[in-house]
Amino acid sequence: MAARYADSAYPAGGFAHSWGLETACTLGHVTDARSLARAAAAMLRHQVAPTDAVAAAACCRAAVDMDWERFAVVDVRLGATRAARESRAASTRTGRRLLETAARAEHDSWLATLWEQARAGRTPGNHAAVLGAVLGRRGLTPPHAAAVTLWTALNGYLSAATRLIPVTHDETQRIQSEFLAWCADLAVGAAARDPLVMAGSLPVAEIWSMLHETAHARLFAS
């Protein structure tokens, strides 16, 4: 099933990243389920929906058309929306690993070609762009690719939280349930947006990412 590519346990390395949440918890900005829900909502609304989900939908279309050059244009633009070097590095590290694994698992020649282009430096291989392309090759529509991208980001964020603060799995599942319909609406909007003008704005998350590498002790890679 295509949904396995959205699992944080998929061997792309997503489980090793908190996407700045570790710093937020260390600084006391996120301490419980309530503050976690607020942080997750901000992340989805201001960062994932207007950038990653838009890119995933556009790259889903490019994959259906087997157009790696159009994929690359969106992929480069997605990387440009990340101000912090740490968040860009995390995105390409997990994206390239996802692309390499998926190309082999699916025996898909177009994905294999895309992997070679990424290895050659002709496209960055950001995670959301790759996820959209893989889902497109699996027959999903652009809105579905955007929805899966939003769910992947939320699931990874909440999964990291269970290892950082005293929040239970029941509480994270409740957050997911509360956000479900909203994420569906965000996905429809993201799929309709022009990827060439996509932009997000969540400065505090970029600062959390920048500060992460200066921590004396770290559980996550970002």
N, C-alpha and C. Protein backbone atom coordinates (compact mmCIF):
# COMPACT_ATOMS: atom_id res chain seq x y z
N MET A 1 0.84 -1.20 0.00
CA MET A 1 0.00 0.00 0.00
C MET A 1 0.87 1.25 0.00
N ALA A 2 0.38 2.28 -0.70
CA ALA A 2 1.14 3.52 -0.80
C ALA A 2 1.31 4.20 0.55
N ALA A 3 0.39 3.95 1.49
CA ALA A 3 0.44 4.60 2.80
C ALA A 3 1.71 4.26 3.57
N ARG A 4 2.36 3.16 3.22
CA ARG A 4 3.57 2.80 3.98
C ARG A 4 4.68 3.84 3.80
N TYR A 5 4.65 4.58 2.70
CA TYR A 5 5.68 5.59 2.47
C TYR A 5 5.48 6.81 3.38
N ALA A 6 4.31 6.90 4.00
CA ALA A 6 4.04 8.01 4.92
C ALA A 6 4.35 7.64 6.36
N ASP A 7 4.72 6.40 6.61
CA ASP A 7 5.00 5.94 7.97
C ASP A 7 6.37 6.45 8.41
N SER A 8 6.44 7.04 9.61
CA SER A 8 7.72 7.55 10.11
C SER A 8 8.72 6.42 10.34
N ALA A 9 8.22 5.18 10.42
CA ALA A 9 9.12 4.03 10.59
C ALA A 9 9.67 3.52 9.26
N TYR A 10 9.19 4.07 8.14
CA TYR A 10 9.72 3.67 6.84
C TYR A 10 11.22 4.00 6.79
N PRO A 11 12.03 3.14 6.22
CA PRO A 11 13.50 3.34 6.29
C PRO A 11 14.02 4.50 5.44
N ALA A 12 13.50 5.69 5.76
CA ALA A 12 14.01 6.91 5.12
C ALA A 12 14.67 7.82 6.15
N GLY A 13 14.58 7.42 7.42
CA GLY A 13 15.25 8.19 8.47
C GLY A 13 14.40 9.23 9.15
N GLY A 14 13.10 9.29 8.83
CA GLY A 14 12.25 10.30 9.43
C GLY A 14 12.16 10.22 10.94
N PHE A 15 12.26 9.01 11.48
CA PHE A 15 12.15 8.81 12.92
C PHE A 15 13.29 9.48 13.69
N ALA A 16 14.38 9.80 12.99
CA ALA A 16 15.55 10.39 13.65
C ALA A 16 15.47 11.91 13.72
N HIS A 17 14.40 12.50 13.20
CA HIS A 17 14.29 13.96 13.15
C HIS A 17 13.07 14.44 13.93
N SER A 18 13.24 15.55 14.64
CA SER A 18 12.12 16.15 15.36
C SER A 18 11.67 17.43 14.69
N TRP A 19 12.38 17.87 13.64
CA TRP A 19 12.04 19.07 12.88
C TRP A 19 11.94 20.30 13.79
N GLY A 20 12.91 20.40 14.71
CA GLY A 20 12.99 21.56 15.60
C GLY A 20 12.24 21.40 16.90
N LEU A 21 11.40 20.36 17.01
CA LEU A 21 10.59 20.19 18.21
C LEU A 21 11.46 19.93 19.44
N GLU A 22 12.57 19.25 19.27
CA GLU A 22 13.43 18.98 20.44
C GLU A 22 13.88 20.27 21.09
N THR A 23 14.27 21.26 20.30
CA THR A 23 14.67 22.56 20.85
C THR A 23 13.50 23.23 21.54
N ALA A 24 12.32 23.16 20.93
CA ALA A 24 11.13 23.78 21.51
C ALA A 24 10.83 23.19 22.88
N CYS A 25 11.01 21.89 23.01
CA CYS A 25 10.77 21.23 24.29
C CYS A 25 11.85 21.60 25.30
N THR A 26 13.09 21.65 24.85
CA THR A 26 14.20 22.00 25.74
C THR A 26 14.05 23.42 26.28
N LEU A 27 13.59 24.33 25.44
CA LEU A 27 13.42 25.73 25.84
C LEU A 27 12.14 25.96 26.65
N GLY A 28 11.31 24.94 26.76
CA GLY A 28 10.08 25.09 27.52
C GLY A 28 8.93 25.68 26.75
N HIS A 29 9.04 25.75 25.42
CA HIS A 29 7.96 26.29 24.60
C HIS A 29 6.86 25.25 24.37
N VAL A 30 7.24 24.00 24.35
CA VAL A 30 6.27 22.90 24.21
C VAL A 30 6.49 21.97 25.39
N THR A 31 5.48 21.85 26.25
CA THR A 31 5.65 21.10 27.50
C THR A 31 4.56 20.06 27.76
N ASP A 32 3.43 20.17 27.06
CA ASP A 32 2.32 19.28 27.32
C ASP A 32 1.48 19.12 26.05
N ALA A 33 0.38 18.40 26.17
CA ALA A 33 -0.46 18.12 25.00
C ALA A 33 -1.05 19.40 24.41
N ARG A 34 -1.42 20.34 25.26
CA ARG A 34 -2.03 21.56 24.76
C ARG A 34 -1.04 22.40 23.95
N SER A 35 0.15 22.62 24.48
CA SER A 35 1.15 23.40 23.75
C SER A 35 1.66 22.63 22.53
N LEU A 36 1.67 21.31 22.61
CA LEU A 36 2.05 20.49 21.46
C LEU A 36 1.04 20.67 20.33
N ALA A 37 -0.24 20.66 20.66
CA ALA A 37 -1.28 20.84 19.64
C ALA A 37 -1.15 22.21 18.97
N ARG A 38 -0.85 23.24 19.75
CA ARG A 38 -0.67 24.57 19.17
C ARG A 38 0.52 24.61 18.23
N ALA A 39 1.63 24.00 18.65
CA ALA A 39 2.83 23.98 17.82
C ALA A 39 2.59 23.19 16.53
N ALA A 40 1.91 22.07 16.66
CA ALA A 40 1.62 21.24 15.48
C ALA A 40 0.70 21.98 14.52
N ALA A 41 -0.29 22.69 15.04
CA ALA A 41 -1.21 23.44 14.19
C ALA A 41 -0.48 24.54 13.43
N ALA A 42 0.42 25.23 14.12
CA ALA A 42 1.19 26.29 13.47
C ALA A 42 2.08 25.71 12.39
N MET A 43 2.70 24.57 12.69
CA MET A 43 3.57 23.92 11.72
C MET A 43 2.80 23.53 10.46
N LEU A 44 1.62 22.97 10.63
CA LEU A 44 0.82 22.56 9.49
C LEU A 44 0.32 23.76 8.69
N ARG A 45 -0.22 24.74 9.38
CA ARG A 45 -0.85 25.88 8.71
C ARG A 45 0.17 26.76 7.98
N HIS A 46 1.27 27.08 8.65
CA HIS A 46 2.19 28.08 8.13
C HIS A 46 3.41 27.52 7.39
N GLN A 47 3.67 26.22 7.55
CA GLN A 47 4.84 25.65 6.89
C GLN A 47 4.49 24.51 5.96
N VAL A 48 3.87 23.47 6.47
CA VAL A 48 3.63 22.27 5.65
C VAL A 48 2.58 22.52 4.57
N ALA A 49 1.45 23.09 4.93
CA ALA A 49 0.38 23.30 3.95
C ALA A 49 0.79 24.21 2.80
N PRO A 50 1.43 25.36 3.06
CA PRO A 50 1.75 26.26 1.95
C PRO A 50 3.04 25.91 1.20
N THR A 51 3.79 24.92 1.67
CA THR A 51 5.03 24.56 0.97
C THR A 51 5.08 23.06 0.64
N ASP A 52 5.26 22.23 1.64
CA ASP A 52 5.43 20.79 1.40
C ASP A 52 4.23 20.17 0.69
N ALA A 53 3.04 20.48 1.15
CA ALA A 53 1.85 19.89 0.54
C ALA A 53 1.65 20.38 -0.89
N VAL A 54 1.96 21.65 -1.12
CA VAL A 54 1.87 22.20 -2.48
C VAL A 54 2.87 21.49 -3.40
N ALA A 55 4.09 21.33 -2.91
CA ALA A 55 5.13 20.66 -3.70
C ALA A 55 4.78 19.20 -3.96
N ALA A 56 4.24 18.53 -2.96
CA ALA A 56 3.88 17.12 -3.13
C ALA A 56 2.83 16.95 -4.21
N ALA A 57 1.83 17.82 -4.21
CA ALA A 57 0.78 17.74 -5.24
C ALA A 57 1.34 17.99 -6.62
N ALA A 58 2.21 19.00 -6.74
CA ALA A 58 2.80 19.33 -8.05
C ALA A 58 3.72 18.22 -8.53
N CYS A 59 4.49 17.64 -7.63
CA CYS A 59 5.41 16.57 -8.01
C CYS A 59 4.66 15.27 -8.29
N CYS A 60 3.51 15.12 -7.70
CA CYS A 60 2.64 13.99 -8.04
C CYS A 60 2.23 14.09 -9.51
N ARG A 61 1.85 15.29 -9.94
CA ARG A 61 1.48 15.49 -11.34
C ARG A 61 2.68 15.25 -12.27
N ALA A 62 3.83 15.75 -11.86
CA ALA A 62 5.03 15.56 -12.68
C ALA A 62 5.38 14.09 -12.83
N ALA A 63 5.18 13.34 -11.76
CA ALA A 63 5.49 11.91 -11.80
C ALA A 63 4.54 11.15 -12.72
N VAL A 64 3.28 11.54 -12.69
CA VAL A 64 2.31 10.90 -13.58
C VAL A 64 2.69 11.15 -15.04
N ASP A 65 3.18 12.35 -15.31
CA ASP A 65 3.61 12.71 -16.67
C ASP A 65 5.04 12.28 -16.97
N MET A 66 5.71 11.71 -15.97
CA MET A 66 7.10 11.24 -16.10
C MET A 66 8.02 12.39 -16.55
N ASP A 67 7.84 13.54 -15.92
CA ASP A 67 8.58 14.75 -16.27
C ASP A 67 9.50 15.12 -15.11
N TRP A 68 10.73 14.61 -15.13
CA TRP A 68 11.63 14.87 -14.01
C TRP A 68 12.11 16.32 -13.98
N GLU A 69 12.14 16.98 -15.14
CA GLU A 69 12.57 18.38 -15.17
C GLU A 69 11.56 19.28 -14.46
N ARG A 70 10.28 19.00 -14.67
CA ARG A 70 9.24 19.77 -13.95
C ARG A 70 9.29 19.46 -12.47
N PHE A 71 9.57 18.20 -12.15
CA PHE A 71 9.77 17.83 -10.75
C PHE A 71 10.90 18.67 -10.14
N ALA A 72 12.01 18.78 -10.86
CA ALA A 72 13.18 19.49 -10.35
C ALA A 72 12.89 20.96 -10.08
N VAL A 73 12.12 21.59 -10.95
CA VAL A 73 11.78 23.00 -10.75
C VAL A 73 11.04 23.19 -9.43
N VAL A 74 10.08 22.31 -9.16
CA VAL A 74 9.32 22.40 -7.91
C VAL A 74 10.20 22.04 -6.72
N ASP A 75 11.02 21.03 -6.88
CA ASP A 75 11.91 20.56 -5.81
C ASP A 75 12.87 21.67 -5.38
N VAL A 76 13.46 22.36 -6.34
CA VAL A 76 14.37 23.47 -6.04
C VAL A 76 13.62 24.59 -5.31
N ARG A 77 12.43 24.89 -5.78
CA ARG A 77 11.63 25.93 -5.15
C ARG A 77 11.30 25.56 -3.71
N LEU A 78 10.99 24.30 -3.48
CA LEU A 78 10.68 23.85 -2.12
C LEU A 78 11.87 24.06 -1.20
N GLY A 79 13.06 23.72 -1.66
CA GLY A 79 14.26 23.92 -0.86
C GLY A 79 14.48 25.38 -0.51
N ALA A 80 14.10 26.27 -1.42
CA ALA A 80 14.29 27.71 -1.21
C ALA A 80 13.35 28.26 -0.15
N THR A 81 12.30 27.51 0.20
CA THR A 81 11.38 27.99 1.23
C THR A 81 11.90 27.71 2.63
N ARG A 82 13.00 26.96 2.74
CA ARG A 82 13.56 26.62 4.04
C ARG A 82 14.71 27.58 4.36
N ALA A 83 14.53 28.41 5.37
CA ALA A 83 15.57 29.38 5.73
C ALA A 83 16.74 28.72 6.46
N ALA A 84 16.45 27.74 7.28
CA ALA A 84 17.49 27.11 8.09
C ALA A 84 18.21 26.00 7.33
N ARG A 85 19.53 26.03 7.37
CA ARG A 85 20.31 24.98 6.71
C ARG A 85 19.95 23.61 7.28
N GLU A 86 19.70 23.54 8.58
CA GLU A 86 19.41 22.27 9.23
C GLU A 86 18.13 21.64 8.70
N SER A 87 17.11 22.44 8.50
CA SER A 87 15.85 21.89 7.99
C SER A 87 15.98 21.48 6.52
N ARG A 88 16.77 22.23 5.74
CA ARG A 88 17.01 21.83 4.35
C ARG A 88 17.76 20.51 4.29
N ALA A 89 18.78 20.37 5.14
CA ALA A 89 19.57 19.15 5.14
C ALA A 89 18.73 17.95 5.55
N ALA A 90 17.89 18.12 6.55
CA ALA A 90 17.04 17.03 7.00
C ALA A 90 16.06 16.62 5.90
N SER A 91 15.52 17.60 5.18
CA SER A 91 14.57 17.33 4.12
C SER A 91 15.21 16.53 2.98
N THR A 92 16.39 16.93 2.55
CA THR A 92 17.03 16.23 1.43
C THR A 92 17.59 14.88 1.87
N ARG A 93 18.05 14.78 3.10
CA ARG A 93 18.58 13.50 3.58
C ARG A 93 17.50 12.43 3.60
N THR A 94 16.35 12.77 4.16
CA THR A 94 15.25 11.80 4.22
C THR A 94 14.61 11.60 2.85
N GLY A 95 14.56 12.67 2.05
CA GLY A 95 13.96 12.56 0.73
C GLY A 95 14.75 11.66 -0.20
N ARG A 96 16.05 11.83 -0.21
CA ARG A 96 16.87 10.99 -1.08
C ARG A 96 16.85 9.52 -0.65
N ARG A 97 16.80 9.31 0.65
CA ARG A 97 16.74 7.93 1.13
C ARG A 97 15.40 7.30 0.74
N LEU A 98 14.33 8.08 0.86
CA LEU A 98 13.02 7.59 0.44
C LEU A 98 13.02 7.26 -1.04
N LEU A 99 13.60 8.13 -1.84
CA LEU A 99 13.62 7.94 -3.29
C LEU A 99 14.41 6.69 -3.67
N GLU A 100 15.56 6.52 -3.06
CA GLU A 100 16.39 5.36 -3.37
C GLU A 100 15.66 4.06 -3.02
N THR A 101 15.07 4.02 -1.84
CA THR A 101 14.38 2.81 -1.39
C THR A 101 13.14 2.53 -2.22
N ALA A 102 12.36 3.57 -2.50
CA ALA A 102 11.12 3.39 -3.25
C ALA A 102 11.39 2.95 -4.68
N ALA A 103 12.42 3.50 -5.30
CA ALA A 103 12.75 3.13 -6.68
C ALA A 103 13.05 1.63 -6.77
N ARG A 104 13.76 1.13 -5.78
CA ARG A 104 14.09 -0.30 -5.77
C ARG A 104 12.88 -1.15 -5.43
N ALA A 105 12.11 -0.72 -4.43
CA ALA A 105 10.97 -1.51 -3.98
C ALA A 105 9.88 -1.60 -5.03
N GLU A 106 9.68 -0.51 -5.76
CA GLU A 106 8.61 -0.46 -6.76
C GLU A 106 9.07 -0.95 -8.13
N HIS A 107 10.38 -1.14 -8.31
CA HIS A 107 10.93 -1.51 -9.63
C HIS A 107 10.44 -0.52 -10.69
N ASP A 108 10.49 0.76 -10.32
CA ASP A 108 9.97 1.82 -11.18
C ASP A 108 11.13 2.51 -11.89
N SER A 109 11.17 2.42 -13.20
CA SER A 109 12.29 2.97 -13.96
C SER A 109 12.33 4.49 -13.90
N TRP A 110 11.15 5.14 -13.84
CA TRP A 110 11.15 6.61 -13.76
C TRP A 110 11.69 7.08 -12.42
N LEU A 111 11.30 6.42 -11.35
CA LEU A 111 11.84 6.77 -10.03
C LEU A 111 13.34 6.51 -9.98
N ALA A 112 13.78 5.45 -10.65
CA ALA A 112 15.22 5.16 -10.71
C ALA A 112 15.95 6.28 -11.45
N THR A 113 15.35 6.78 -12.52
CA THR A 113 15.94 7.90 -13.24
C THR A 113 15.99 9.15 -12.36
N LEU A 114 14.92 9.38 -11.63
CA LEU A 114 14.86 10.53 -10.72
C LEU A 114 15.93 10.42 -9.64
N TRP A 115 16.16 9.21 -9.16
CA TRP A 115 17.20 8.99 -8.16
C TRP A 115 18.58 9.33 -8.73
N GLU A 116 18.82 8.96 -9.97
CA GLU A 116 20.10 9.28 -10.61
C GLU A 116 20.26 10.79 -10.77
N GLN A 117 19.18 11.49 -11.09
CA GLN A 117 19.24 12.94 -11.22
C GLN A 117 19.56 13.59 -9.87
N ALA A 118 18.99 13.04 -8.81
CA ALA A 118 19.27 13.57 -7.47
C ALA A 118 20.71 13.30 -7.08
N ARG A 119 21.19 12.11 -7.38
CA ARG A 119 22.59 11.77 -7.06
C ARG A 119 23.55 12.67 -7.82
N ALA A 120 23.17 13.06 -9.02
CA ALA A 120 24.03 13.91 -9.85
C ALA A 120 23.92 15.39 -9.47
N GLY A 121 23.03 15.70 -8.53
CA GLY A 121 22.88 17.08 -8.08
C GLY A 121 21.99 17.93 -8.96
N ARG A 122 21.23 17.29 -9.86
CA ARG A 122 20.35 18.05 -10.76
C ARG A 122 19.02 18.41 -10.11
N THR A 123 18.72 17.80 -8.98
CA THR A 123 17.53 18.12 -8.20
C THR A 123 17.85 17.78 -6.75
N PRO A 124 17.38 18.58 -5.78
CA PRO A 124 17.76 18.35 -4.39
C PRO A 124 17.24 17.05 -3.80
N GLY A 125 16.00 16.68 -4.14
CA GLY A 125 15.42 15.48 -3.56
C GLY A 125 14.80 15.74 -2.19
N ASN A 126 14.08 16.86 -2.05
CA ASN A 126 13.40 17.15 -0.79
C ASN A 126 12.32 16.11 -0.50
N HIS A 127 12.12 15.85 0.77
CA HIS A 127 11.23 14.75 1.17
C HIS A 127 9.82 14.89 0.62
N ALA A 128 9.21 16.06 0.78
CA ALA A 128 7.83 16.22 0.33
C ALA A 128 7.70 16.07 -1.18
N ALA A 129 8.68 16.58 -1.92
CA ALA A 129 8.66 16.45 -3.38
C ALA A 129 8.77 14.98 -3.79
N VAL A 130 9.67 14.27 -3.15
CA VAL A 130 9.85 12.84 -3.45
C VAL A 130 8.61 12.06 -3.06
N LEU A 131 8.06 12.35 -1.89
CA LEU A 131 6.86 11.63 -1.45
C LEU A 131 5.72 11.83 -2.45
N GLY A 132 5.54 13.06 -2.92
CA GLY A 132 4.51 13.30 -3.92
C GLY A 132 4.74 12.52 -5.19
N ALA A 133 6.01 12.45 -5.62
CA ALA A 133 6.34 11.71 -6.85
C ALA A 133 6.07 10.22 -6.68
N VAL A 134 6.49 9.67 -5.55
CA VAL A 134 6.28 8.24 -5.30
C VAL A 134 4.78 7.93 -5.27
N LEU A 135 4.02 8.76 -4.62
CA LEU A 135 2.58 8.53 -4.54
C LEU A 135 1.93 8.68 -5.91
N GLY A 136 2.42 9.61 -6.71
CA GLY A 136 1.91 9.74 -8.07
C GLY A 136 2.16 8.50 -8.89
N ARG A 137 3.33 7.91 -8.74
CA ARG A 137 3.65 6.68 -9.45
C ARG A 137 2.81 5.50 -8.96
N ARG A 138 2.30 5.62 -7.73
CA ARG A 138 1.45 4.58 -7.17
C ARG A 138 -0.03 4.80 -7.48
N GLY A 139 -0.32 5.87 -8.24
CA GLY A 139 -1.69 6.10 -8.68
C GLY A 139 -2.53 7.03 -7.85
N LEU A 140 -1.92 7.70 -6.86
CA LEU A 140 -2.68 8.65 -6.06
C LEU A 140 -2.84 9.97 -6.79
N THR A 141 -3.88 10.71 -6.44
CA THR A 141 -4.13 12.01 -7.05
C THR A 141 -3.34 13.09 -6.30
N PRO A 142 -3.17 14.27 -6.92
CA PRO A 142 -2.47 15.37 -6.23
C PRO A 142 -3.06 15.75 -4.88
N PRO A 143 -4.40 15.88 -4.75
CA PRO A 143 -4.94 16.18 -3.41
C PRO A 143 -4.62 15.10 -2.39
N HIS A 144 -4.64 13.84 -2.83
CA HIS A 144 -4.28 12.76 -1.91
C HIS A 144 -2.81 12.84 -1.52
N ALA A 145 -1.95 13.18 -2.46
CA ALA A 145 -0.53 13.33 -2.16
C ALA A 145 -0.31 14.44 -1.15
N ALA A 146 -1.04 15.54 -1.31
CA ALA A 146 -0.94 16.65 -0.35
C ALA A 146 -1.43 16.21 1.02
N ALA A 147 -2.52 15.45 1.06
CA ALA A 147 -3.07 14.98 2.34
C ALA A 147 -2.11 14.04 3.05
N VAL A 148 -1.51 13.13 2.30
CA VAL A 148 -0.56 12.20 2.90
C VAL A 148 0.66 12.96 3.44
N THR A 149 1.08 13.99 2.72
CA THR A 149 2.22 14.80 3.17
C THR A 149 1.91 15.50 4.48
N LEU A 150 0.73 16.06 4.60
CA LEU A 150 0.31 16.70 5.84
C LEU A 150 0.25 15.69 6.98
N TRP A 151 -0.32 14.53 6.71
CA TRP A 151 -0.42 13.50 7.75
C TRP A 151 0.96 13.01 8.17
N THR A 152 1.87 12.86 7.20
CA THR A 152 3.22 12.42 7.51
C THR A 152 3.92 13.39 8.44
N ALA A 153 3.79 14.69 8.14
CA ALA A 153 4.41 15.71 8.97
C ALA A 153 3.82 15.70 10.38
N LEU A 154 2.50 15.62 10.47
CA LEU A 154 1.85 15.61 11.77
C LEU A 154 2.22 14.36 12.56
N ASN A 155 2.18 13.22 11.92
CA ASN A 155 2.50 11.97 12.59
C ASN A 155 3.94 11.95 13.10
N GLY A 156 4.87 12.43 12.28
CA GLY A 156 6.27 12.47 12.70
C GLY A 156 6.49 13.41 13.86
N TYR A 157 5.80 14.55 13.83
CA TYR A 157 5.92 15.56 14.89
C TYR A 157 5.41 15.00 16.22
N LEU A 158 4.24 14.38 16.17
CA LEU A 158 3.64 13.84 17.38
C LEU A 158 4.42 12.63 17.90
N SER A 159 4.95 11.83 17.00
CA SER A 159 5.77 10.69 17.41
C SER A 159 7.01 11.15 18.14
N ALA A 160 7.65 12.21 17.63
CA ALA A 160 8.83 12.75 18.31
C ALA A 160 8.47 13.28 19.68
N ALA A 161 7.29 13.88 19.79
CA ALA A 161 6.87 14.47 21.07
C ALA A 161 6.77 13.43 22.17
N THR A 162 6.35 12.21 21.83
CA THR A 162 6.21 11.18 22.86
C THR A 162 7.55 10.79 23.47
N ARG A 163 8.63 11.11 22.77
CA ARG A 163 9.96 10.82 23.29
C ARG A 163 10.61 12.03 23.96
N LEU A 164 9.93 13.15 23.94
CA LEU A 164 10.52 14.39 24.45
C LEU A 164 9.81 14.98 25.66
N ILE A 165 8.50 14.83 25.72
CA ILE A 165 7.73 15.42 26.82
C ILE A 165 6.75 14.39 27.36
N PRO A 166 6.23 14.62 28.56
CA PRO A 166 5.25 13.68 29.13
C PRO A 166 3.89 13.80 28.47
N VAL A 167 3.78 13.27 27.28
CA VAL A 167 2.51 13.24 26.55
C VAL A 167 2.23 11.80 26.17
N THR A 168 1.00 11.36 26.31
CA THR A 168 0.66 9.97 26.06
C THR A 168 0.25 9.74 24.61
N HIS A 169 0.24 8.47 24.23
CA HIS A 169 -0.22 8.13 22.88
C HIS A 169 -1.71 8.44 22.72
N ASP A 170 -2.46 8.32 23.80
CA ASP A 170 -3.89 8.67 23.73
C ASP A 170 -4.05 10.15 23.38
N GLU A 171 -3.20 10.99 23.97
CA GLU A 171 -3.28 12.42 23.71
C GLU A 171 -2.86 12.75 22.28
N THR A 172 -1.83 12.10 21.76
CA THR A 172 -1.41 12.38 20.39
C THR A 172 -2.44 11.87 19.39
N GLN A 173 -3.08 10.75 19.70
CA GLN A 173 -4.13 10.25 18.81
C GLN A 173 -5.34 11.18 18.81
N ARG A 174 -5.62 11.79 19.94
CA ARG A 174 -6.72 12.74 20.01
C ARG A 174 -6.42 13.97 19.15
N ILE A 175 -5.17 14.42 19.17
CA ILE A 175 -4.78 15.55 18.34
C ILE A 175 -4.94 15.19 16.87
N GLN A 176 -4.50 14.00 16.49
CA GLN A 176 -4.65 13.57 15.10
C GLN A 176 -6.12 13.55 14.68
N SER A 177 -6.97 13.03 15.55
CA SER A 177 -8.39 12.96 15.23
C SER A 177 -9.00 14.34 15.07
N GLU A 178 -8.60 15.26 15.95
CA GLU A 178 -9.13 16.63 15.89
C GLU A 178 -8.67 17.37 14.64
N PHE A 179 -7.50 17.01 14.13
CA PHE A 179 -6.94 17.70 12.97
C PHE A 179 -7.33 17.06 11.64
N LEU A 180 -7.97 15.91 11.67
CA LEU A 180 -8.19 15.14 10.45
C LEU A 180 -8.96 15.91 9.38
N ALA A 181 -10.13 16.42 9.71
CA ALA A 181 -10.94 17.13 8.72
C ALA A 181 -10.25 18.41 8.26
N TRP A 182 -9.59 19.08 9.17
CA TRP A 182 -8.86 20.31 8.84
C TRP A 182 -7.75 20.03 7.84
N CYS A 183 -7.01 18.94 8.07
CA CYS A 183 -5.92 18.57 7.15
C CYS A 183 -6.46 18.25 5.77
N ALA A 184 -7.64 17.65 5.71
CA ALA A 184 -8.25 17.36 4.40
C ALA A 184 -8.53 18.65 3.65
N ASP A 185 -9.02 19.66 4.36
CA ASP A 185 -9.28 20.96 3.74
C ASP A 185 -7.98 21.63 3.29
N LEU A 186 -6.96 21.55 4.13
CA LEU A 186 -5.66 22.12 3.78
C LEU A 186 -5.10 21.45 2.52
N ALA A 187 -5.31 20.14 2.40
CA ALA A 187 -4.79 19.40 1.26
C ALA A 187 -5.44 19.84 -0.05
N VAL A 188 -6.74 20.04 -0.01
CA VAL A 188 -7.45 20.50 -1.22
C VAL A 188 -6.94 21.87 -1.64
N GLY A 189 -6.75 22.74 -0.67
CA GLY A 189 -6.23 24.07 -0.99
C GLY A 189 -4.81 24.02 -1.52
N ALA A 190 -3.98 23.17 -0.93
CA ALA A 190 -2.58 23.06 -1.36
C ALA A 190 -2.48 22.54 -2.78
N ALA A 191 -3.32 21.58 -3.14
CA ALA A 191 -3.27 21.00 -4.48
C ALA A 191 -3.68 21.99 -5.55
N ALA A 192 -4.40 23.04 -5.16
CA ALA A 192 -4.86 24.03 -6.13
C ALA A 192 -3.90 25.20 -6.28
N ARG A 193 -2.86 25.26 -5.47
CA ARG A 193 -1.96 26.41 -5.49
C ARG A 193 -0.85 26.23 -6.52
N ASP A 194 -0.34 27.36 -6.99
CA ASP A 194 0.77 27.37 -7.95
C ASP A 194 2.08 27.09 -7.21
N PRO A 195 2.77 26.00 -7.51
CA PRO A 195 4.00 25.67 -6.78
C PRO A 195 5.14 26.65 -7.01
N LEU A 196 5.09 27.40 -8.09
CA LEU A 196 6.17 28.33 -8.39
C LEU A 196 6.15 29.58 -7.52
N VAL A 197 5.05 29.79 -6.81
CA VAL A 197 4.99 30.94 -5.90
C VAL A 197 4.72 30.47 -4.47
N MET A 198 4.96 29.20 -4.20
CA MET A 198 4.70 28.70 -2.84
C MET A 198 5.70 29.32 -1.86
N ALA A 199 5.19 29.59 -0.67
CA ALA A 199 6.03 30.16 0.38
C ALA A 199 5.33 29.95 1.72
N GLY A 200 6.13 29.67 2.74
CA GLY A 200 5.59 29.52 4.08
C GLY A 200 6.32 30.46 5.01
N SER A 201 5.81 30.63 6.21
CA SER A 201 6.45 31.52 7.17
C SER A 201 6.19 31.03 8.58
N LEU A 202 7.21 30.43 9.17
CA LEU A 202 7.15 30.02 10.57
C LEU A 202 8.54 30.23 11.18
N PRO A 203 8.91 31.49 11.39
CA PRO A 203 10.27 31.83 11.83
C PRO A 203 10.71 31.10 13.09
N VAL A 204 9.79 30.93 14.04
CA VAL A 204 10.20 30.30 15.30
C VAL A 204 10.67 28.87 15.07
N ALA A 205 10.04 28.16 14.13
CA ALA A 205 10.46 26.78 13.85
C ALA A 205 11.84 26.76 13.21
N GLU A 206 12.13 27.74 12.35
CA GLU A 206 13.45 27.82 11.74
C GLU A 206 14.51 28.12 12.80
N ILE A 207 14.17 28.98 13.76
CA ILE A 207 15.10 29.29 14.84
C ILE A 207 15.33 28.06 15.71
N TRP A 208 14.27 27.31 15.99
CA TRP A 208 14.45 26.06 16.74
C TRP A 208 15.40 25.12 16.01
N SER A 209 15.25 25.04 14.69
CA SER A 209 16.14 24.17 13.90
C SER A 209 17.58 24.65 13.95
N MET A 210 17.78 25.96 13.86
CA MET A 210 19.13 26.52 13.90
C MET A 210 19.81 26.30 15.24
N LEU A 211 19.04 26.40 16.32
CA LEU A 211 19.59 26.24 17.65
C LEU A 211 19.87 24.79 18.02
N HIS A 212 19.24 23.89 17.31
CA HIS A 212 19.33 22.48 17.68
C HIS A 212 20.76 21.97 17.70
N GLU A 213 21.55 22.33 16.68
CA GLU A 213 22.90 21.78 16.59
C GLU A 213 23.84 22.32 17.67
N THR A 214 23.42 23.38 18.38
CA THR A 214 24.27 23.93 19.45
C THR A 214 23.98 23.29 20.81
N ALA A 215 22.99 22.41 20.87
CA ALA A 215 22.64 21.78 22.14
C ALA A 215 23.76 20.85 22.61
N HIS A 216 23.94 20.78 23.92
CA HIS A 216 25.00 19.93 24.48
C HIS A 216 24.63 18.44 24.37
N ALA A 217 23.34 18.16 24.47
CA ALA A 217 22.88 16.78 24.36
C ALA A 217 21.66 16.76 23.44
N ARG A 218 21.63 15.82 22.51
CA ARG A 218 20.56 15.76 21.54
C ARG A 218 20.09 14.33 21.37
N LEU A 219 18.77 14.17 21.27
CA LEU A 219 18.18 12.86 21.00
C LEU A 219 17.95 12.68 19.51
N PHE A 220 17.63 13.79 18.81
CA PHE A 220 17.31 13.75 17.38
C PHE A 220 18.40 14.42 16.54
N ALA A 221 18.39 14.09 15.25
CA ALA A 221 19.38 14.68 14.34
C ALA A 221 19.01 16.10 13.94
N SER A 222 17.75 16.48 14.08
CA SER A 222 17.33 17.85 13.76
C SER A 222 16.11 18.21 14.60
